[in-house]
């Protein structure tokens, strides 16, 4: 019986995962899971799945093949009798949703399968693990400085009780050499954190909350995939209007300024951050920039200089996503195309609305860099 239950549970999980995969595009587009995100898992609402069971009709009401009727007559269903009029019911409805918890790693695997994403081939020491001594075991020998007093005392107490030498009225515990326990260590692998995702976003007045929600949804899935590919990854955030600064995640998504736009200011902060904190020989660096394509007239020259000389040569990928805004000019992506002409490290994506997030993620992550 227990084996049948476990088999049924595994089958149920497979069905639920299949339902999530079927609706994955909707989840990517609408961002329903971001508000339900925990540290390592996400709660996903899926339609309730009922275990198949028999449903019986009313006593004396006949059944299929019984009573009056001609071939082809429709069969009435429970709840469909009469003219359809009636008051409020007291029975539960059938449209319930169930919150199913799925790990971020499993979610990333689903994303990779759905978008047919290639595995990333990291550079530097991305796959190297350093070893760290961790005191997580006990041995019978060792230096007195590592003696475990509690375990030694308990072992001595157990020995005296077993041999009949323990006097409850006059408890006196004397450990002997065989009672002594010492803390010991094992060398455990410690993955090196050597991949970084740097997000940049224009927060000037032309970027609305709708555009920021698109950025947030896309960044959620990008983070899930990169975290799945690397044993450790850091995330940094840069916002800018006419000036740029590094901020935390909450500030990144909830700041709106009233100034103009100088994209070069974000590139300068990003370049300085990489130079000071992330040596390019060891770190896998991913830059994701989101803008409505509006930039102050003469700033393109400075922005292209920083991008071409300081950023593109050192990153695994520089992904520029242009979200459509009713206020932005939208010219910057065309200028990038002309200036860099399909540079191997530059990936461009136009994101007119939330339905375009799906294809944008595939563009950004589809090269396996």
Protein backbone atom coordinates (compact mmCIF):
# COMPACT_ATOMS: atom_id res chain seq x y z
CA UNK A 1 0.00 0.00 0.00
CA UNK A 2 2.80 2.41 0.92
CA UNK A 3 4.52 1.78 -2.42
CA UNK A 4 1.23 2.51 -4.23
CA UNK A 5 0.88 5.81 -2.36
CA UNK A 6 4.43 6.91 -3.21
CA UNK A 7 3.91 5.91 -6.83
CA UNK A 8 0.68 7.91 -6.96
CA UNK A 9 2.41 10.92 -5.39
CA UNK A 10 5.19 10.79 -7.98
CA UNK A 11 2.61 10.49 -10.74
CA UNK A 12 0.68 13.45 -9.35
CA UNK A 13 3.85 15.57 -9.26
CA UNK A 14 4.56 14.62 -12.87
CA UNK A 15 1.07 15.73 -13.86
CA UNK A 16 1.45 19.04 -12.01
CA UNK A 17 4.87 19.68 -13.60
CA UNK A 18 3.36 18.92 -16.98
CA UNK A 19 0.59 21.43 -16.34
CA UNK A 20 3.17 24.07 -15.37
CA UNK A 21 5.14 23.41 -18.55
CA UNK A 22 1.99 23.79 -20.62
CA UNK A 23 1.36 27.20 -19.07
CA UNK A 24 5.00 28.29 -18.80
CA UNK A 25 4.68 30.90 -21.53
CA UNK A 26 1.79 32.50 -19.64
CA UNK A 27 3.83 32.56 -16.41
CA UNK A 28 6.80 34.12 -18.23
CA UNK A 29 4.59 36.76 -19.83
CA UNK A 30 2.46 37.76 -16.87
CA UNK A 31 4.90 37.33 -14.00
CA UNK A 32 2.39 35.66 -11.69
CA UNK A 33 5.12 33.98 -9.63
CA UNK A 34 7.35 36.91 -8.68
CA UNK A 35 5.19 37.88 -5.72
CA UNK A 36 5.24 34.27 -4.49
CA UNK A 37 8.99 33.84 -4.63
CA UNK A 38 10.84 32.44 -1.65
CA UNK A 39 14.57 32.01 -1.21
CA UNK A 40 14.85 28.78 -3.19
CA UNK A 41 11.34 28.09 -4.48
CA UNK A 42 8.27 29.64 -6.04
CA UNK A 43 4.58 28.96 -5.38
CA UNK A 44 2.66 28.58 -8.63
CA UNK A 45 -1.15 28.63 -8.88
CA UNK A 46 -2.41 25.73 -11.00
CA UNK A 47 -6.00 24.51 -11.55
CA UNK A 48 -7.03 21.97 -8.92
CA UNK A 49 -6.61 18.36 -9.98
CA UNK A 50 -9.20 15.99 -8.53
CA UNK A 51 -8.69 12.26 -8.10
CA UNK A 52 -11.11 10.41 -10.47
CA UNK A 53 -14.10 8.99 -8.65
CA UNK A 54 -17.63 7.70 -9.30
CA UNK A 55 -20.51 10.15 -9.11
CA UNK A 56 -23.92 8.72 -8.31
CA UNK A 57 -27.29 10.09 -9.33
CA UNK A 58 -30.36 10.50 -7.15
CA UNK A 59 -32.22 7.41 -5.95
CA UNK A 60 -35.28 6.61 -8.08
CA UNK A 61 -34.28 8.96 -10.90
CA UNK A 62 -33.44 6.16 -13.33
CA UNK A 63 -30.25 6.02 -15.30
CA UNK A 64 -28.72 5.45 -18.68
CA UNK A 65 -30.85 2.89 -20.58
CA UNK A 66 -33.74 3.18 -18.13
CA UNK A 67 -37.03 5.07 -18.18
CA UNK A 68 -38.65 6.93 -21.03
CA UNK A 69 -36.78 8.47 -23.92
CA UNK A 70 -35.78 8.10 -27.52
CA UNK A 71 -32.39 7.53 -29.12
CA UNK A 72 -30.62 10.89 -29.41
CA UNK A 73 -32.40 12.60 -26.52
CA UNK A 74 -29.90 14.61 -24.36
CA UNK A 75 -29.20 13.36 -20.88
CA UNK A 76 -29.77 15.85 -18.09
CA UNK A 77 -26.83 16.45 -15.78
CA UNK A 78 -26.91 17.16 -12.05
CA UNK A 79 -27.49 20.85 -11.57
CA UNK A 80 -28.95 21.30 -15.08
CA UNK A 81 -32.56 20.38 -14.39
CA UNK A 82 -35.31 22.96 -14.74
CA UNK A 83 -35.07 26.33 -16.45
CA UNK A 84 -31.72 27.35 -14.97
CA UNK A 85 -33.15 29.93 -12.60
CA UNK A 86 -32.41 29.83 -8.93
CA UNK A 87 -30.78 31.55 -6.00
CA UNK A 88 -27.30 31.40 -4.59
CA UNK A 89 -25.95 27.89 -4.05
CA UNK A 90 -24.21 26.51 -1.02
CA UNK A 91 -21.93 24.00 -2.75
CA UNK A 92 -18.23 24.75 -3.50
CA UNK A 93 -17.31 25.62 -7.04
CA UNK A 94 -15.03 23.59 -9.31
CA UNK A 95 -12.62 26.37 -10.32
CA UNK A 96 -10.26 26.25 -7.35
CA UNK A 97 -6.53 26.91 -7.75
CA UNK A 98 -3.85 24.99 -5.89
CA UNK A 99 -0.54 26.57 -4.87
CA UNK A 100 2.24 24.20 -5.95
CA UNK A 101 5.78 24.86 -4.75
CA UNK A 102 8.48 24.44 -7.40
CA UNK A 103 12.20 24.99 -6.83
CA UNK A 104 13.86 27.78 -8.77
CA UNK A 105 16.33 25.26 -10.16
CA UNK A 106 13.52 23.07 -11.51
CA UNK A 107 11.82 26.15 -12.93
CA UNK A 108 15.03 27.07 -14.73
CA UNK A 109 15.25 23.57 -16.22
CA UNK A 110 11.69 23.97 -17.53
CA UNK A 111 12.68 27.33 -19.03
CA UNK A 112 15.71 25.79 -20.72
CA UNK A 113 13.63 22.98 -22.21
CA UNK A 114 10.84 25.30 -23.35
CA UNK A 115 13.16 27.82 -25.01
CA UNK A 116 15.70 25.18 -26.10
CA UNK A 117 18.47 27.11 -24.39
CA UNK A 118 22.04 25.80 -24.78
CA UNK A 119 24.09 25.16 -21.66
CA UNK A 120 26.46 27.99 -20.84
CA UNK A 121 30.19 27.36 -21.30
CA UNK A 122 31.78 29.55 -18.63
CA UNK A 123 35.27 31.00 -18.69
CA UNK A 124 37.88 31.42 -15.97
CA UNK A 125 37.47 29.45 -12.74
CA UNK A 126 33.72 28.99 -13.04
CA UNK A 127 33.91 25.25 -12.41
CA UNK A 128 36.71 25.30 -9.83
CA UNK A 129 35.87 24.47 -6.23
CA UNK A 130 38.05 25.49 -3.32
CA UNK A 131 38.15 23.33 -0.20
CA UNK A 132 37.25 24.59 3.26
CA UNK A 133 37.78 22.77 6.55
CA UNK A 134 34.48 22.35 8.39
CA UNK A 135 34.25 20.95 11.91
CA UNK A 136 31.38 18.54 11.36
CA UNK A 137 32.52 15.20 12.84
CA UNK A 138 33.81 13.55 16.03
CA UNK A 139 36.93 11.42 16.53
CA UNK A 140 38.41 9.42 19.40
CA UNK A 141 41.78 11.17 19.28
CA UNK A 142 42.89 14.72 18.89
CA UNK A 143 44.44 17.73 20.63
CA UNK A 144 43.01 18.76 24.00
CA UNK A 145 42.06 22.14 22.53
CA UNK A 146 39.47 20.37 20.36
CA UNK A 147 38.02 18.17 23.09
CA UNK A 148 34.22 18.07 22.94
CA UNK A 149 33.28 18.42 26.61
CA UNK A 150 29.57 17.61 26.29
CA UNK A 151 30.06 14.43 24.26
CA UNK A 152 32.95 13.36 26.51
CA UNK A 153 30.80 13.85 29.62
CA UNK A 154 27.85 11.93 28.14
CA UNK A 155 30.09 9.05 27.08
CA UNK A 156 31.61 8.86 30.57
CA UNK A 157 28.15 8.99 32.18
CA UNK A 158 26.88 6.23 29.93
CA UNK A 159 29.91 4.06 30.78
CA UNK A 160 29.46 4.50 34.53
CA UNK A 161 25.73 3.73 34.38
CA UNK A 162 26.36 0.63 32.25
CA UNK A 163 29.05 -0.69 34.61
CA UNK A 164 27.04 0.11 37.78
CA UNK A 165 29.54 2.70 39.03
CA UNK A 166 27.13 5.63 38.90
CA UNK A 167 25.74 6.83 42.24
CA UNK A 168 22.65 9.05 41.79
CA UNK A 169 22.95 10.34 45.36
CA UNK A 170 26.56 11.32 44.87
CA UNK A 171 27.06 11.82 41.10
CA UNK A 172 30.72 12.10 40.26
CA UNK A 173 31.70 11.66 36.62
CA UNK A 174 35.36 10.97 35.88
CA UNK A 175 36.16 10.55 32.16
CA UNK A 176 38.88 8.08 31.29
CA UNK A 177 40.93 8.02 28.13
CA UNK A 178 38.36 5.94 26.21
CA UNK A 179 35.59 8.45 26.97
CA UNK A 180 37.27 11.42 25.39
CA UNK A 181 35.73 12.80 22.21
CA UNK A 182 37.36 15.37 19.94
CA UNK A 183 35.94 17.69 17.33
CA UNK A 184 37.25 16.93 13.87
CA UNK A 185 36.89 18.34 10.40
CA UNK A 186 36.25 17.33 6.84
CA UNK A 187 37.30 19.20 3.75
CA UNK A 188 34.09 20.27 2.02
CA UNK A 189 33.96 21.70 -1.51
CA UNK A 190 33.18 25.40 -1.60
CA UNK A 191 32.14 26.73 -5.01
CA UNK A 192 33.73 29.97 -6.05
CA UNK A 193 31.30 32.78 -6.80
CA UNK A 194 32.59 34.07 -10.11
CA UNK A 195 29.67 35.04 -12.28
CA UNK A 196 27.94 38.40 -12.05
CA UNK A 197 24.81 39.80 -13.66
CA UNK A 198 24.76 43.61 -13.84
CA UNK A 199 21.37 45.15 -14.57
CA UNK A 200 21.10 48.72 -15.85
CA UNK A 201 17.85 50.61 -16.30
CA UNK A 202 16.77 54.07 -17.35
CA UNK A 203 14.56 55.52 -14.60
CA UNK A 204 13.91 58.89 -16.20
CA UNK A 205 10.38 60.22 -16.55
CA UNK A 206 9.82 58.50 -19.90
CA UNK A 207 10.04 55.02 -18.31
CA UNK A 208 6.62 54.15 -16.87
CA UNK A 209 5.67 51.54 -14.25
CA UNK A 210 4.42 49.26 -17.03
CA UNK A 211 7.87 49.21 -18.64
CA UNK A 212 9.51 48.52 -15.27
CA UNK A 213 7.20 45.55 -14.68
CA UNK A 214 8.28 44.13 -18.03
CA UNK A 215 11.92 44.51 -16.97
CA UNK A 216 11.22 42.87 -13.61
CA UNK A 217 9.51 39.86 -15.19
CA UNK A 218 12.31 39.32 -17.67
CA UNK A 219 15.03 39.72 -15.05
CA UNK A 220 13.34 37.09 -12.84
CA UNK A 221 13.70 34.41 -15.54
CA UNK A 222 17.19 35.51 -16.54
CA UNK A 223 18.30 35.20 -12.91
CA UNK A 224 16.71 31.75 -12.63
CA UNK A 225 18.62 30.48 -15.66
CA UNK A 226 22.00 31.97 -14.71
CA UNK A 227 21.67 30.65 -11.15
CA UNK A 228 20.97 27.21 -12.60
CA UNK A 229 24.10 27.39 -14.77
CA UNK A 230 26.53 28.67 -12.15
CA UNK A 231 27.20 27.35 -8.66
CA UNK A 232 27.39 30.92 -7.45
CA UNK A 233 26.39 34.25 -8.96
CA UNK A 234 26.25 37.85 -7.80
CA UNK A 235 23.74 40.44 -8.97
CA UNK A 236 24.28 44.19 -9.12
CA UNK A 237 21.91 47.00 -10.10
CA UNK A 238 22.53 50.40 -11.71
CA UNK A 239 19.91 53.07 -12.35
CA UNK A 240 20.33 56.26 -14.33
CA UNK A 241 18.67 59.31 -15.78
CA UNK A 242 21.24 61.98 -16.59
CA UNK A 243 23.49 60.51 -13.86
CA UNK A 244 23.92 56.90 -12.72
CA UNK A 245 24.49 55.09 -9.43
CA UNK A 246 24.59 51.57 -8.07
CA UNK A 247 21.54 50.65 -5.93
CA UNK A 248 19.86 47.67 -4.28
CA UNK A 249 17.19 45.55 -5.98
CA UNK A 250 14.18 47.29 -4.41
CA UNK A 251 15.44 50.75 -5.35
CA UNK A 252 16.16 49.51 -8.87
CA UNK A 253 12.53 48.63 -9.54
CA UNK A 254 10.83 51.43 -7.60
CA UNK A 255 12.75 54.58 -8.49
CA UNK A 256 11.55 57.17 -10.96
CA UNK A 257 13.39 60.39 -11.69
CA UNK A 258 12.34 63.50 -13.56
CA UNK A 259 15.62 64.31 -15.25
CA UNK A 260 16.86 63.69 -18.77
CA UNK A 261 18.72 60.64 -20.05
CA UNK A 262 22.46 60.04 -20.46
CA UNK A 263 23.08 56.34 -21.11
CA UNK A 264 26.84 56.90 -20.98
CA UNK A 265 26.54 57.57 -17.23
CA UNK A 266 25.33 53.96 -16.68
CA UNK A 267 28.12 52.56 -18.86
CA UNK A 268 30.69 54.52 -16.85
CA UNK A 269 29.43 53.21 -13.48
CA UNK A 270 29.23 49.68 -14.90
CA UNK A 271 32.78 49.84 -16.28
CA UNK A 272 34.16 51.15 -12.98
CA UNK A 273 32.31 48.42 -11.06
CA UNK A 274 33.79 45.68 -13.22
CA UNK A 275 37.30 47.14 -12.96
CA UNK A 276 37.14 47.38 -9.16
CA UNK A 277 35.27 44.21 -8.18
CA UNK A 278 35.22 41.64 -10.97
CA UNK A 279 38.55 40.73 -12.62
CA UNK A 280 37.70 39.78 -16.18
CA UNK A 281 40.14 36.87 -16.25
CA UNK A 282 38.17 35.02 -13.55
CA UNK A 283 34.63 36.37 -13.73
CA UNK A 284 31.84 35.61 -16.17
CA UNK A 285 30.17 38.98 -16.66
CA UNK A 286 26.66 39.52 -18.00
CA UNK A 287 25.26 43.00 -18.56
CA UNK A 288 21.56 43.58 -19.11
CA UNK A 289 20.47 47.09 -20.04
CA UNK A 290 16.83 48.18 -20.34
CA UNK A 291 15.74 51.49 -21.80
CA UNK A 292 12.98 53.05 -23.86
CA UNK A 293 15.60 54.08 -26.44
CA UNK A 294 15.62 57.75 -25.52
CA UNK A 295 19.05 59.38 -25.09
CA UNK A 296 20.26 62.94 -24.94
CA UNK A 297 21.41 64.06 -28.40
CA UNK A 298 25.21 64.19 -28.17
CA UNK A 299 25.55 61.44 -25.55
CA UNK A 300 25.56 58.58 -28.05
CA UNK A 301 29.17 59.29 -28.94
CA UNK A 302 30.37 58.91 -25.33
CA UNK A 303 28.10 55.89 -24.75
CA UNK A 304 29.41 54.06 -27.82
CA UNK A 305 33.00 54.78 -26.84
CA UNK A 306 32.52 53.29 -23.36
CA UNK A 307 30.56 50.33 -24.69
CA UNK A 308 33.03 49.50 -27.45
CA UNK A 309 36.25 50.00 -25.47
CA UNK A 310 35.36 49.18 -21.84
CA UNK A 311 32.43 46.77 -21.84
CA UNK A 312 32.06 44.64 -24.97
CA UNK A 313 35.67 43.36 -24.85
CA UNK A 314 35.31 42.02 -21.28
CA UNK A 315 31.76 40.63 -20.96
CA UNK A 316 30.35 37.23 -21.86
CA UNK A 317 27.31 39.03 -23.23
CA UNK A 318 25.91 42.55 -23.24
CA UNK A 319 22.14 42.39 -23.68
CA UNK A 320 20.22 45.53 -24.55
CA UNK A 321 16.45 45.34 -24.24
CA UNK A 322 14.40 48.26 -25.52
CA UNK A 323 10.93 48.51 -24.01
CA UNK A 324 8.40 50.55 -25.91
CA UNK A 325 7.25 53.71 -24.15
CA UNK A 326 4.74 56.36 -25.23
CA UNK A 327 7.32 59.00 -24.32
CA UNK A 328 10.69 57.64 -25.52
CA UNK A 329 12.09 58.21 -28.99
CA UNK A 330 13.18 54.59 -29.49
CA UNK A 331 16.18 55.58 -31.60
CA UNK A 332 18.97 54.07 -29.50
CA UNK A 333 18.61 50.46 -30.66
CA UNK A 334 18.90 51.54 -34.31
CA UNK A 335 22.03 53.53 -33.46
CA UNK A 336 23.53 50.48 -31.75
CA UNK A 337 22.87 48.36 -34.84
CA UNK A 338 24.63 50.88 -37.08
CA UNK A 339 27.57 51.43 -34.75
CA UNK A 340 28.42 47.84 -33.83
CA UNK A 341 27.05 45.87 -36.80
CA UNK A 342 26.31 42.48 -35.18
CA UNK A 343 29.15 42.51 -32.63
CA UNK A 344 29.47 38.99 -31.21
CA UNK A 345 29.06 40.14 -27.59
CA UNK A 346 26.14 42.50 -28.19
CA UNK A 347 22.60 41.09 -28.23
CA UNK A 348 19.69 43.41 -29.05
CA UNK A 349 16.02 42.85 -28.32
CA UNK A 350 12.93 44.99 -28.86
CA UNK A 351 10.24 44.46 -26.22
CA UNK A 352 7.07 46.31 -27.28
CA UNK A 353 4.88 44.68 -24.61
CA UNK A 354 4.83 41.87 -22.03
CA UNK A 355 4.00 39.27 -24.69
CA UNK A 356 7.46 39.90 -26.18
CA UNK A 357 9.29 38.88 -22.97
CA UNK A 358 9.31 35.22 -24.05
CA UNK A 359 11.20 35.87 -27.30
CA UNK A 360 13.48 38.43 -25.66
CA UNK A 361 14.70 35.90 -23.08
CA UNK A 362 15.38 33.43 -25.87
CA UNK A 363 17.43 36.06 -27.73
CA UNK A 364 19.46 37.00 -24.67
CA UNK A 365 20.20 33.46 -23.46
CA UNK A 366 20.06 31.52 -26.69
CA UNK A 367 23.77 31.75 -27.56
CA UNK A 368 24.98 29.90 -24.47
CA UNK A 369 27.71 32.45 -23.76
